[in-house]
Amino acid sequence: MTGTVVLATHNQGKVVELREILGEALGGVELVAYDGPEPVEDGDTYAANALIKARAAVAHTGLPALADDSGIAVDALGGAPGIHSARYAGTRVDADNIALLLQNLEGVVERTAAFVCAAAFVTPSGTEHVFEAVWNGEVGTEPVGDGGHGYDPVFRPDDAEGSAAELTRAEKNALSHRSKAFRGIAPIVREWFEGGER
């Protein structure tokens, strides 16, 4: 099985992460970084925003594309920051987003939350698929750990000790919402390539 899929992100850290997650699952499929313009993510769901990014990459490159949209949903905040997670504080700076989240949860005892990820696969012929996954846990009271990115330092997964930022890359890739979402969509990508469509 050979072919090329565009990873619709300019985040090089995410490109590396997705290559690690998808490498074995997609075998000989080459995963290339997207170099085109960033679309406006004005969808009202994770799935809608993931599809917007994947469609833009297909339109720019003519190749099938994978994209994702993810965020953290906090129960006590009615699911916020949600799809606005990356720009929660208005600066797109992780530390600012974390600070605002902790401020908004000050004094809150019940801090259950989930990381959510929607992975989208779009082909040049217009076929579209989305697979969504969650990673349950809670928001800690202060940042801990220096790994990962985004809200990882304050997210304490139910299925791990400590924060997501304290996990090794291998541990995070085995547990995370992004890993689950892309592993879920990988068979669809593989089937498309094996079917001989181009």
N, C-alpha and C. Protein backbone atom coordinates (compact mmCIF):
# COMPACT_ATOMS: atom_id res chain seq x y z
N MET A 1 0.85 -1.19 0.00
CA MET A 1 0.00 0.00 0.00
C MET A 1 0.88 1.24 0.00
N THR A 2 0.76 2.07 -1.03
CA THR A 2 1.54 3.30 -1.11
C THR A 2 0.62 4.46 -1.42
N GLY A 3 1.12 5.66 -1.19
CA GLY A 3 0.34 6.85 -1.46
C GLY A 3 0.80 7.97 -0.56
N THR A 4 0.14 9.11 -0.67
CA THR A 4 0.50 10.29 0.13
C THR A 4 -0.75 10.91 0.73
N VAL A 5 -0.66 11.26 1.99
CA VAL A 5 -1.74 11.98 2.68
C VAL A 5 -1.16 13.25 3.28
N VAL A 6 -1.88 14.34 3.12
CA VAL A 6 -1.47 15.61 3.70
C VAL A 6 -2.01 15.72 5.13
N LEU A 7 -1.15 16.07 6.06
CA LEU A 7 -1.59 16.34 7.42
C LEU A 7 -1.89 17.83 7.50
N ALA A 8 -3.15 18.18 7.61
CA ALA A 8 -3.59 19.57 7.49
C ALA A 8 -3.34 20.36 8.76
N THR A 9 -2.05 20.60 9.04
CA THR A 9 -1.67 21.42 10.18
C THR A 9 -0.32 22.07 9.90
N HIS A 10 -0.12 23.26 10.46
CA HIS A 10 1.18 23.93 10.37
C HIS A 10 1.99 23.69 11.65
N ASN A 11 1.40 22.96 12.59
CA ASN A 11 2.06 22.66 13.86
C ASN A 11 3.00 21.47 13.67
N GLN A 12 4.30 21.74 13.63
CA GLN A 12 5.27 20.68 13.37
C GLN A 12 5.29 19.64 14.48
N GLY A 13 5.00 20.07 15.70
CA GLY A 13 4.92 19.11 16.80
C GLY A 13 3.81 18.10 16.57
N LYS A 14 2.68 18.58 16.02
CA LYS A 14 1.56 17.69 15.74
C LYS A 14 1.90 16.76 14.57
N VAL A 15 2.64 17.26 13.60
CA VAL A 15 3.05 16.42 12.47
C VAL A 15 3.87 15.23 12.97
N VAL A 16 4.83 15.52 13.85
CA VAL A 16 5.67 14.46 14.43
C VAL A 16 4.82 13.47 15.21
N GLU A 17 3.89 14.01 16.02
CA GLU A 17 3.01 13.17 16.84
C GLU A 17 2.16 12.26 15.96
N LEU A 18 1.60 12.81 14.89
CA LEU A 18 0.72 12.02 14.03
C LEU A 18 1.50 10.97 13.24
N ARG A 19 2.71 11.30 12.86
CA ARG A 19 3.54 10.30 12.18
C ARG A 19 3.83 9.13 13.12
N GLU A 20 4.04 9.43 14.39
CA GLU A 20 4.29 8.36 15.37
C GLU A 20 3.03 7.51 15.57
N ILE A 21 1.89 8.17 15.67
CA ILE A 21 0.63 7.47 15.91
C ILE A 21 0.22 6.63 14.70
N LEU A 22 0.37 7.21 13.50
CA LEU A 22 -0.17 6.58 12.29
C LEU A 22 0.83 5.75 11.50
N GLY A 23 2.11 5.88 11.82
CA GLY A 23 3.13 5.21 11.03
C GLY A 23 2.88 3.75 10.79
N GLU A 24 2.68 3.01 11.86
CA GLU A 24 2.47 1.56 11.73
C GLU A 24 1.11 1.25 11.10
N ALA A 25 0.09 2.01 11.50
CA ALA A 25 -1.27 1.74 11.02
C ALA A 25 -1.42 1.96 9.52
N LEU A 26 -0.64 2.90 8.97
CA LEU A 26 -0.79 3.23 7.55
C LEU A 26 0.35 2.70 6.69
N GLY A 27 1.28 2.00 7.28
CA GLY A 27 2.31 1.32 6.51
C GLY A 27 3.05 2.22 5.54
N GLY A 28 2.89 1.96 4.23
CA GLY A 28 3.65 2.67 3.22
C GLY A 28 3.09 4.01 2.81
N VAL A 29 2.04 4.48 3.44
CA VAL A 29 1.48 5.79 3.08
C VAL A 29 2.37 6.90 3.65
N GLU A 30 2.78 7.82 2.78
CA GLU A 30 3.63 8.92 3.22
C GLU A 30 2.76 10.03 3.79
N LEU A 31 3.15 10.52 4.96
CA LEU A 31 2.41 11.60 5.63
C LEU A 31 3.21 12.88 5.49
N VAL A 32 2.68 13.84 4.73
CA VAL A 32 3.41 15.08 4.48
C VAL A 32 2.73 16.26 5.17
N ALA A 33 3.53 17.26 5.54
CA ALA A 33 3.01 18.44 6.21
C ALA A 33 2.34 19.37 5.18
N TYR A 34 1.36 20.10 5.62
CA TYR A 34 0.60 21.03 4.79
C TYR A 34 1.32 22.38 4.74
N ASP A 35 1.44 22.93 3.53
CA ASP A 35 2.15 24.21 3.39
C ASP A 35 1.26 25.32 2.82
N GLY A 36 -0.04 25.08 2.81
CA GLY A 36 -0.95 26.05 2.22
C GLY A 36 -1.52 27.04 3.24
N PRO A 37 -2.43 27.88 2.81
CA PRO A 37 -3.04 28.88 3.70
C PRO A 37 -3.94 28.24 4.75
N GLU A 38 -4.00 28.88 5.90
CA GLU A 38 -4.87 28.37 6.97
C GLU A 38 -6.30 28.84 6.73
N PRO A 39 -7.24 27.93 6.74
CA PRO A 39 -8.64 28.33 6.54
C PRO A 39 -9.21 28.94 7.82
N VAL A 40 -10.32 29.62 7.69
CA VAL A 40 -11.02 30.15 8.86
C VAL A 40 -11.82 29.02 9.50
N GLU A 41 -11.52 28.74 10.74
CA GLU A 41 -12.23 27.65 11.45
C GLU A 41 -13.47 28.24 12.12
N ASP A 42 -14.54 28.30 11.39
CA ASP A 42 -15.76 28.92 11.92
C ASP A 42 -16.88 27.90 12.13
N GLY A 43 -16.51 26.61 12.23
CA GLY A 43 -17.49 25.59 12.54
C GLY A 43 -17.94 25.67 13.99
N ASP A 44 -19.07 25.04 14.29
CA ASP A 44 -19.57 25.08 15.67
C ASP A 44 -19.38 23.75 16.39
N THR A 45 -18.64 22.83 15.77
CA THR A 45 -18.30 21.56 16.42
C THR A 45 -16.86 21.20 16.06
N TYR A 46 -16.29 20.28 16.83
CA TYR A 46 -14.95 19.80 16.52
C TYR A 46 -14.93 19.19 15.12
N ALA A 47 -15.94 18.38 14.80
CA ALA A 47 -16.00 17.71 13.50
C ALA A 47 -16.04 18.73 12.36
N ALA A 48 -16.84 19.77 12.52
CA ALA A 48 -16.96 20.78 11.47
C ALA A 48 -15.63 21.47 11.21
N ASN A 49 -14.91 21.81 12.28
CA ASN A 49 -13.62 22.49 12.11
C ASN A 49 -12.57 21.56 11.52
N ALA A 50 -12.59 20.29 11.90
CA ALA A 50 -11.64 19.33 11.33
C ALA A 50 -11.89 19.19 9.83
N LEU A 51 -13.15 19.13 9.43
CA LEU A 51 -13.49 19.02 8.01
C LEU A 51 -13.09 20.27 7.24
N ILE A 52 -13.24 21.43 7.83
CA ILE A 52 -12.84 22.68 7.18
C ILE A 52 -11.34 22.64 6.85
N LYS A 53 -10.55 22.18 7.81
CA LYS A 53 -9.10 22.12 7.61
C LYS A 53 -8.73 21.07 6.56
N ALA A 54 -9.35 19.91 6.62
CA ALA A 54 -9.04 18.84 5.66
C ALA A 54 -9.45 19.24 4.25
N ARG A 55 -10.63 19.86 4.11
CA ARG A 55 -11.10 20.29 2.79
C ARG A 55 -10.14 21.32 2.18
N ALA A 56 -9.66 22.23 3.02
CA ALA A 56 -8.74 23.27 2.53
C ALA A 56 -7.43 22.64 2.04
N ALA A 57 -6.96 21.63 2.73
CA ALA A 57 -5.72 20.97 2.33
C ALA A 57 -5.90 20.21 1.03
N VAL A 58 -7.06 19.56 0.87
CA VAL A 58 -7.35 18.85 -0.39
C VAL A 58 -7.42 19.84 -1.54
N ALA A 59 -8.10 20.97 -1.33
CA ALA A 59 -8.26 21.97 -2.38
C ALA A 59 -6.91 22.55 -2.80
N HIS A 60 -6.00 22.70 -1.84
CA HIS A 60 -4.70 23.31 -2.12
C HIS A 60 -3.73 22.34 -2.77
N THR A 61 -3.79 21.07 -2.37
CA THR A 61 -2.78 20.10 -2.81
C THR A 61 -3.29 19.08 -3.83
N GLY A 62 -4.59 18.86 -3.87
CA GLY A 62 -5.13 17.81 -4.73
C GLY A 62 -4.92 16.42 -4.19
N LEU A 63 -4.45 16.33 -2.95
CA LEU A 63 -4.19 15.05 -2.30
C LEU A 63 -5.20 14.80 -1.19
N PRO A 64 -5.42 13.54 -0.81
CA PRO A 64 -6.28 13.28 0.36
C PRO A 64 -5.64 13.89 1.59
N ALA A 65 -6.47 14.28 2.55
CA ALA A 65 -5.94 14.98 3.73
C ALA A 65 -6.56 14.49 5.03
N LEU A 66 -5.76 14.54 6.06
CA LEU A 66 -6.20 14.26 7.42
C LEU A 66 -6.07 15.54 8.24
N ALA A 67 -7.06 15.79 9.08
CA ALA A 67 -7.01 16.96 9.95
C ALA A 67 -7.71 16.62 11.25
N ASP A 68 -7.48 17.45 12.25
CA ASP A 68 -8.22 17.24 13.50
C ASP A 68 -8.54 18.58 14.13
N ASP A 69 -9.53 18.55 14.99
CA ASP A 69 -9.82 19.69 15.85
C ASP A 69 -10.03 19.11 17.23
N SER A 70 -9.44 19.76 18.21
CA SER A 70 -9.53 19.22 19.56
C SER A 70 -9.61 20.33 20.57
N GLY A 71 -9.99 19.96 21.78
CA GLY A 71 -10.08 20.93 22.85
C GLY A 71 -10.41 20.24 24.16
N ILE A 72 -10.52 21.05 25.19
CA ILE A 72 -10.86 20.52 26.50
C ILE A 72 -12.25 21.02 26.89
N ALA A 73 -13.08 20.11 27.34
CA ALA A 73 -14.44 20.44 27.76
C ALA A 73 -14.56 20.20 29.25
N VAL A 74 -14.84 21.26 30.00
CA VAL A 74 -14.92 21.19 31.46
C VAL A 74 -16.38 21.21 31.89
N ASP A 75 -16.80 20.19 32.61
CA ASP A 75 -18.21 20.06 33.00
C ASP A 75 -18.72 21.26 33.78
N ALA A 76 -17.93 21.73 34.74
CA ALA A 76 -18.37 22.84 35.59
C ALA A 76 -18.53 24.15 34.81
N LEU A 77 -17.94 24.21 33.61
CA LEU A 77 -18.03 25.42 32.79
C LEU A 77 -18.96 25.21 31.60
N GLY A 78 -19.83 24.20 31.72
CA GLY A 78 -20.80 23.94 30.66
C GLY A 78 -20.17 23.46 29.36
N GLY A 79 -18.99 22.81 29.47
CA GLY A 79 -18.32 22.31 28.28
C GLY A 79 -17.27 23.25 27.71
N ALA A 80 -17.15 24.44 28.28
CA ALA A 80 -16.11 25.38 27.84
C ALA A 80 -14.74 24.89 28.35
N PRO A 81 -13.66 25.32 27.72
CA PRO A 81 -13.53 26.17 26.53
C PRO A 81 -14.01 25.50 25.23
N GLY A 82 -14.02 24.16 25.19
CA GLY A 82 -14.54 23.46 24.01
C GLY A 82 -13.80 23.81 22.73
N ILE A 83 -14.57 24.09 21.66
CA ILE A 83 -13.95 24.37 20.37
C ILE A 83 -13.13 25.66 20.38
N HIS A 84 -13.27 26.46 21.43
CA HIS A 84 -12.51 27.71 21.54
C HIS A 84 -11.24 27.53 22.38
N SER A 85 -10.86 26.29 22.68
CA SER A 85 -9.76 26.03 23.60
C SER A 85 -8.46 26.74 23.21
N ALA A 86 -8.09 26.69 21.93
CA ALA A 86 -6.81 27.26 21.50
C ALA A 86 -6.77 28.78 21.63
N ARG A 87 -7.93 29.41 21.57
CA ARG A 87 -7.98 30.88 21.64
C ARG A 87 -8.80 31.36 22.84
N TYR A 88 -8.84 30.56 23.87
CA TYR A 88 -9.66 30.83 25.05
C TYR A 88 -9.36 32.20 25.67
N ALA A 89 -8.07 32.50 25.83
CA ALA A 89 -7.68 33.76 26.47
C ALA A 89 -7.51 34.89 25.46
N GLY A 90 -7.68 34.59 24.17
CA GLY A 90 -7.57 35.62 23.14
C GLY A 90 -6.16 35.85 22.64
N THR A 91 -5.18 35.10 23.16
CA THR A 91 -3.79 35.32 22.77
C THR A 91 -3.18 34.14 22.01
N ARG A 92 -3.85 32.99 22.05
CA ARG A 92 -3.35 31.73 21.49
C ARG A 92 -2.05 31.28 22.17
N VAL A 93 -1.84 31.74 23.41
CA VAL A 93 -0.67 31.34 24.20
C VAL A 93 -1.13 30.32 25.25
N ASP A 94 -0.51 29.14 25.25
CA ASP A 94 -0.93 28.07 26.15
C ASP A 94 -1.01 28.53 27.61
N ALA A 95 0.03 29.21 28.08
CA ALA A 95 0.08 29.63 29.48
C ALA A 95 -1.08 30.57 29.83
N ASP A 96 -1.46 31.43 28.89
CA ASP A 96 -2.57 32.36 29.13
C ASP A 96 -3.90 31.59 29.19
N ASN A 97 -4.06 30.63 28.30
CA ASN A 97 -5.28 29.82 28.31
C ASN A 97 -5.42 29.04 29.62
N ILE A 98 -4.31 28.46 30.07
CA ILE A 98 -4.32 27.70 31.33
C ILE A 98 -4.64 28.62 32.50
N ALA A 99 -4.04 29.80 32.52
CA ALA A 99 -4.27 30.74 33.61
C ALA A 99 -5.75 31.14 33.69
N LEU A 100 -6.36 31.40 32.53
CA LEU A 100 -7.78 31.78 32.52
C LEU A 100 -8.66 30.62 32.96
N LEU A 101 -8.32 29.41 32.51
CA LEU A 101 -9.10 28.24 32.91
C LEU A 101 -9.05 28.05 34.43
N LEU A 102 -7.86 28.14 35.01
CA LEU A 102 -7.72 27.97 36.46
C LEU A 102 -8.44 29.09 37.21
N GLN A 103 -8.39 30.28 36.66
CA GLN A 103 -9.10 31.41 37.28
C GLN A 103 -10.60 31.15 37.29
N ASN A 104 -11.12 30.66 36.18
CA ASN A 104 -12.56 30.41 36.08
C ASN A 104 -13.02 29.22 36.91
N LEU A 105 -12.07 28.38 37.32
CA LEU A 105 -12.40 27.22 38.16
C LEU A 105 -12.03 27.44 39.62
N GLU A 106 -11.63 28.63 39.95
CA GLU A 106 -11.23 28.93 41.33
C GLU A 106 -12.38 28.64 42.29
N GLY A 107 -12.10 27.82 43.29
CA GLY A 107 -13.11 27.46 44.28
C GLY A 107 -14.03 26.33 43.86
N VAL A 108 -13.91 25.85 42.63
CA VAL A 108 -14.74 24.76 42.14
C VAL A 108 -14.14 23.43 42.58
N VAL A 109 -14.96 22.60 43.22
CA VAL A 109 -14.47 21.30 43.72
C VAL A 109 -14.59 20.22 42.66
N GLU A 110 -15.74 20.15 42.00
CA GLU A 110 -15.97 19.14 40.96
C GLU A 110 -15.36 19.63 39.65
N ARG A 111 -14.21 19.04 39.26
CA ARG A 111 -13.43 19.58 38.14
C ARG A 111 -13.29 18.57 36.99
N THR A 112 -14.30 17.69 36.84
CA THR A 112 -14.23 16.70 35.77
C THR A 112 -14.18 17.38 34.40
N ALA A 113 -13.44 16.76 33.49
CA ALA A 113 -13.25 17.34 32.16
C ALA A 113 -12.88 16.22 31.19
N ALA A 114 -12.88 16.55 29.93
CA ALA A 114 -12.44 15.60 28.91
C ALA A 114 -11.77 16.33 27.78
N PHE A 115 -10.68 15.76 27.30
CA PHE A 115 -10.11 16.21 26.03
C PHE A 115 -10.93 15.54 24.93
N VAL A 116 -11.29 16.30 23.91
CA VAL A 116 -12.07 15.77 22.80
C VAL A 116 -11.29 16.01 21.50
N CYS A 117 -11.29 15.03 20.61
CA CYS A 117 -10.64 15.19 19.32
C CYS A 117 -11.51 14.59 18.22
N ALA A 118 -11.70 15.35 17.16
CA ALA A 118 -12.36 14.84 15.96
C ALA A 118 -11.32 14.79 14.86
N ALA A 119 -11.11 13.60 14.29
CA ALA A 119 -10.18 13.43 13.18
C ALA A 119 -10.98 13.30 11.90
N ALA A 120 -10.59 14.04 10.87
CA ALA A 120 -11.32 14.02 9.60
C ALA A 120 -10.41 13.56 8.47
N PHE A 121 -10.99 12.78 7.55
CA PHE A 121 -10.29 12.33 6.35
C PHE A 121 -11.13 12.74 5.16
N VAL A 122 -10.54 13.52 4.26
CA VAL A 122 -11.25 14.01 3.08
C VAL A 122 -10.44 13.64 1.84
N THR A 123 -11.10 13.13 0.81
CA THR A 123 -10.41 12.72 -0.42
C THR A 123 -10.70 13.70 -1.55
N PRO A 124 -9.87 13.68 -2.58
CA PRO A 124 -10.09 14.59 -3.72
C PRO A 124 -11.44 14.40 -4.40
N SER A 125 -12.01 13.21 -4.29
CA SER A 125 -13.32 12.97 -4.91
C SER A 125 -14.47 13.45 -4.04
N GLY A 126 -14.14 13.95 -2.86
CA GLY A 126 -15.17 14.52 -1.99
C GLY A 126 -15.70 13.60 -0.90
N THR A 127 -15.14 12.40 -0.79
CA THR A 127 -15.52 11.50 0.30
C THR A 127 -15.03 12.08 1.62
N GLU A 128 -15.89 12.05 2.64
CA GLU A 128 -15.52 12.61 3.95
C GLU A 128 -15.87 11.65 5.08
N HIS A 129 -14.94 11.53 6.01
CA HIS A 129 -15.16 10.69 7.19
C HIS A 129 -14.67 11.44 8.42
N VAL A 130 -15.35 11.23 9.55
CA VAL A 130 -14.92 11.82 10.82
C VAL A 130 -15.00 10.76 11.91
N PHE A 131 -13.99 10.73 12.76
CA PHE A 131 -13.99 9.83 13.92
C PHE A 131 -13.66 10.67 15.15
N GLU A 132 -14.52 10.62 16.17
CA GLU A 132 -14.34 11.44 17.37
C GLU A 132 -14.02 10.57 18.58
N ALA A 133 -13.14 11.07 19.44
CA ALA A 133 -12.74 10.32 20.63
C ALA A 133 -12.55 11.28 21.81
N VAL A 134 -12.67 10.72 23.00
CA VAL A 134 -12.51 11.52 24.23
C VAL A 134 -11.48 10.88 25.15
N TRP A 135 -10.90 11.71 26.01
CA TRP A 135 -9.95 11.28 27.04
C TRP A 135 -10.43 11.90 28.34
N ASN A 136 -10.99 11.11 29.21
CA ASN A 136 -11.61 11.63 30.43
C ASN A 136 -10.61 11.87 31.54
N GLY A 137 -10.91 12.86 32.37
CA GLY A 137 -10.06 13.17 33.50
C GLY A 137 -10.62 14.34 34.29
N GLU A 138 -9.73 15.14 34.85
CA GLU A 138 -10.14 16.33 35.59
C GLU A 138 -9.07 17.40 35.47
N VAL A 139 -9.44 18.62 35.82
CA VAL A 139 -8.50 19.74 35.77
C VAL A 139 -7.88 19.90 37.16
N GLY A 140 -6.55 19.88 37.20
CA GLY A 140 -5.85 20.08 38.46
C GLY A 140 -5.91 21.53 38.90
N THR A 141 -5.34 21.82 40.06
CA THR A 141 -5.39 23.18 40.59
C THR A 141 -4.19 24.02 40.18
N GLU A 142 -3.16 23.37 39.59
CA GLU A 142 -1.99 24.11 39.12
C GLU A 142 -1.28 23.28 38.03
N PRO A 143 -0.53 23.94 37.15
CA PRO A 143 0.19 23.22 36.10
C PRO A 143 1.29 22.33 36.70
N VAL A 144 1.40 21.12 36.18
CA VAL A 144 2.44 20.19 36.62
C VAL A 144 3.01 19.48 35.40
N GLY A 145 4.34 19.45 35.31
CA GLY A 145 4.99 18.75 34.20
C GLY A 145 5.36 19.70 33.08
N ASP A 146 6.36 19.33 32.30
CA ASP A 146 6.83 20.21 31.23
C ASP A 146 6.76 19.55 29.85
N GLY A 147 6.04 18.44 29.74
CA GLY A 147 5.88 17.78 28.45
C GLY A 147 4.58 18.20 27.79
N GLY A 148 4.35 17.65 26.60
CA GLY A 148 3.09 17.91 25.91
C GLY A 148 2.91 19.36 25.50
N HIS A 149 1.67 19.77 25.33
CA HIS A 149 1.36 21.14 24.92
C HIS A 149 -0.08 21.46 25.31
N GLY A 150 -0.50 22.66 25.03
CA GLY A 150 -1.87 23.05 25.35
C GLY A 150 -2.17 22.95 26.84
N TYR A 151 -3.28 22.28 27.16
CA TYR A 151 -3.74 22.17 28.54
C TYR A 151 -3.15 20.96 29.28
N ASP A 152 -2.21 20.26 28.66
CA ASP A 152 -1.64 19.05 29.27
C ASP A 152 -1.18 19.23 30.71
N PRO A 153 -0.53 20.36 31.08
CA PRO A 153 -0.04 20.49 32.45
C PRO A 153 -1.13 20.51 33.53
N VAL A 154 -2.37 20.85 33.15
CA VAL A 154 -3.44 20.89 34.17
C VAL A 154 -4.47 19.78 33.99
N PHE A 155 -4.28 18.93 32.97
CA PHE A 155 -5.22 17.83 32.74
C PHE A 155 -4.69 16.57 33.40
N ARG A 156 -5.49 16.01 34.30
CA ARG A 156 -5.11 14.79 35.00
C ARG A 156 -6.00 13.65 34.50
N PRO A 157 -5.48 12.80 33.59
CA PRO A 157 -6.29 11.73 33.00
C PRO A 157 -6.72 10.70 34.04
N ASP A 158 -7.90 10.14 33.84
CA ASP A 158 -8.39 9.08 34.72
C ASP A 158 -7.52 7.82 34.64
N ASP A 159 -6.89 7.61 33.48
CA ASP A 159 -6.15 6.36 33.26
C ASP A 159 -4.64 6.51 33.37
N ALA A 160 -4.18 7.55 34.11
CA ALA A 160 -2.74 7.75 34.30
C ALA A 160 -2.48 8.45 35.62
N GLU A 161 -1.27 8.33 36.10
CA GLU A 161 -0.85 9.05 37.31
C GLU A 161 -0.36 10.44 36.90
N GLY A 162 -0.71 11.45 37.68
CA GLY A 162 -0.23 12.80 37.40
C GLY A 162 -0.93 13.45 36.22
N SER A 163 -0.26 14.47 35.66
CA SER A 163 -0.86 15.23 34.56
C SER A 163 -0.44 14.65 33.22
N ALA A 164 -1.14 15.07 32.17
CA ALA A 164 -0.80 14.62 30.82
C ALA A 164 0.59 15.11 30.43
N ALA A 165 1.02 16.22 31.02
CA ALA A 165 2.35 16.77 30.72
C ALA A 165 3.47 15.98 31.38
N GLU A 166 3.12 15.05 32.28
CA GLU A 166 4.13 14.22 32.93
C GLU A 166 4.30 12.86 32.24
N LEU A 167 3.46 12.58 31.25
CA LEU A 167 3.55 11.32 30.53
C LEU A 167 4.69 11.36 29.51
N THR A 168 5.27 10.21 29.23
CA THR A 168 6.22 10.14 28.13
C THR A 168 5.43 10.24 26.83
N ARG A 169 6.13 10.51 25.75
CA ARG A 169 5.43 10.59 24.46
C ARG A 169 4.75 9.28 24.12
N ALA A 170 5.44 8.18 24.43
CA ALA A 170 4.86 6.87 24.13
C ALA A 170 3.61 6.62 24.96
N GLU A 171 3.65 7.02 26.23
CA GLU A 171 2.47 6.85 27.10
C GLU A 171 1.31 7.70 26.60
N LYS A 172 1.61 8.94 26.24
CA LYS A 172 0.54 9.83 25.76
C LYS A 172 -0.04 9.31 24.44
N ASN A 173 0.83 8.84 23.55
CA ASN A 173 0.35 8.33 22.27
C ASN A 173 -0.52 7.08 22.43
N ALA A 174 -0.35 6.38 23.55
CA ALA A 174 -1.16 5.18 23.78
C ALA A 174 -2.52 5.52 24.37
N LEU A 175 -2.65 6.70 24.99
CA LEU A 175 -3.85 7.02 25.76
C LEU A 175 -4.69 8.18 25.22
N SER A 176 -4.06 9.11 24.54
CA SER A 176 -4.70 10.40 24.29
C SER A 176 -5.90 10.36 23.35
N HIS A 177 -6.71 11.39 23.44
CA HIS A 177 -7.86 11.59 22.58
C HIS A 177 -7.45 11.66 21.11
N ARG A 178 -6.34 12.35 20.83
CA ARG A 178 -5.88 12.46 19.44
C ARG A 178 -5.45 11.10 18.91
N SER A 179 -4.74 10.36 19.74
CA SER A 179 -4.32 9.02 19.33
C SER A 179 -5.52 8.13 19.04
N LYS A 180 -6.52 8.16 19.93
CA LYS A 180 -7.72 7.34 19.73
C LYS A 180 -8.46 7.73 18.45
N ALA A 181 -8.56 9.04 18.21
CA ALA A 181 -9.30 9.51 17.04
C ALA A 181 -8.60 9.11 15.74
N PHE A 182 -7.28 9.29 15.68
CA PHE A 182 -6.57 8.97 14.45
C PHE A 182 -6.42 7.47 14.26
N ARG A 183 -6.29 6.73 15.35
CA ARG A 183 -6.27 5.27 15.20
C ARG A 183 -7.64 4.77 14.74
N GLY A 184 -8.69 5.49 15.15
CA GLY A 184 -10.04 5.11 14.73
C GLY A 184 -10.28 5.35 13.25
N ILE A 185 -9.67 6.40 12.71
CA ILE A 185 -9.91 6.72 11.30
C ILE A 185 -8.90 6.04 10.38
N ALA A 186 -7.81 5.54 10.94
CA ALA A 186 -6.75 4.91 10.13
C ALA A 186 -7.27 3.77 9.23
N PRO A 187 -8.15 2.87 9.73
CA PRO A 187 -8.63 1.80 8.86
C PRO A 187 -9.38 2.33 7.64
N ILE A 188 -10.06 3.46 7.79
CA ILE A 188 -10.80 4.06 6.67
C ILE A 188 -9.81 4.58 5.62
N VAL A 189 -8.73 5.21 6.11
CA VAL A 189 -7.70 5.71 5.20
C VAL A 189 -7.04 4.54 4.47
N ARG A 190 -6.71 3.52 5.22
CA ARG A 190 -6.06 2.34 4.63
C ARG A 190 -6.96 1.69 3.58
N GLU A 191 -8.24 1.58 3.90
CA GLU A 191 -9.20 0.95 2.97
C GLU A 191 -9.31 1.77 1.68
N TRP A 192 -9.26 3.09 1.82
CA TRP A 192 -9.35 3.95 0.63
C TRP A 192 -8.16 3.72 -0.29
N PHE A 193 -6.97 3.65 0.27
CA PHE A 193 -5.79 3.42 -0.54
C PHE A 193 -5.77 2.01 -1.13
N GLU A 194 -6.19 1.05 -0.34
CA GLU A 194 -6.19 -0.32 -0.83
C GLU A 194 -7.22 -0.53 -1.94
N GLY A 195 -8.23 0.35 -1.96
CA GLY A 195 -9.26 0.27 -2.99
C GLY A 195 -8.80 0.82 -4.32
N GLY A 196 -7.60 1.42 -4.32
CA GLY A 196 -7.03 1.90 -5.58
C GLY A 196 -7.51 3.26 -6.03
N GLU A 197 -8.26 3.97 -5.19
CA GLU A 197 -8.73 5.31 -5.59
C GLU A 197 -7.56 6.30 -5.50
N ARG A 198 -7.56 7.27 -6.39
CA ARG A 198 -6.49 8.29 -6.36
C ARG A 198 -7.08 9.64 -6.73
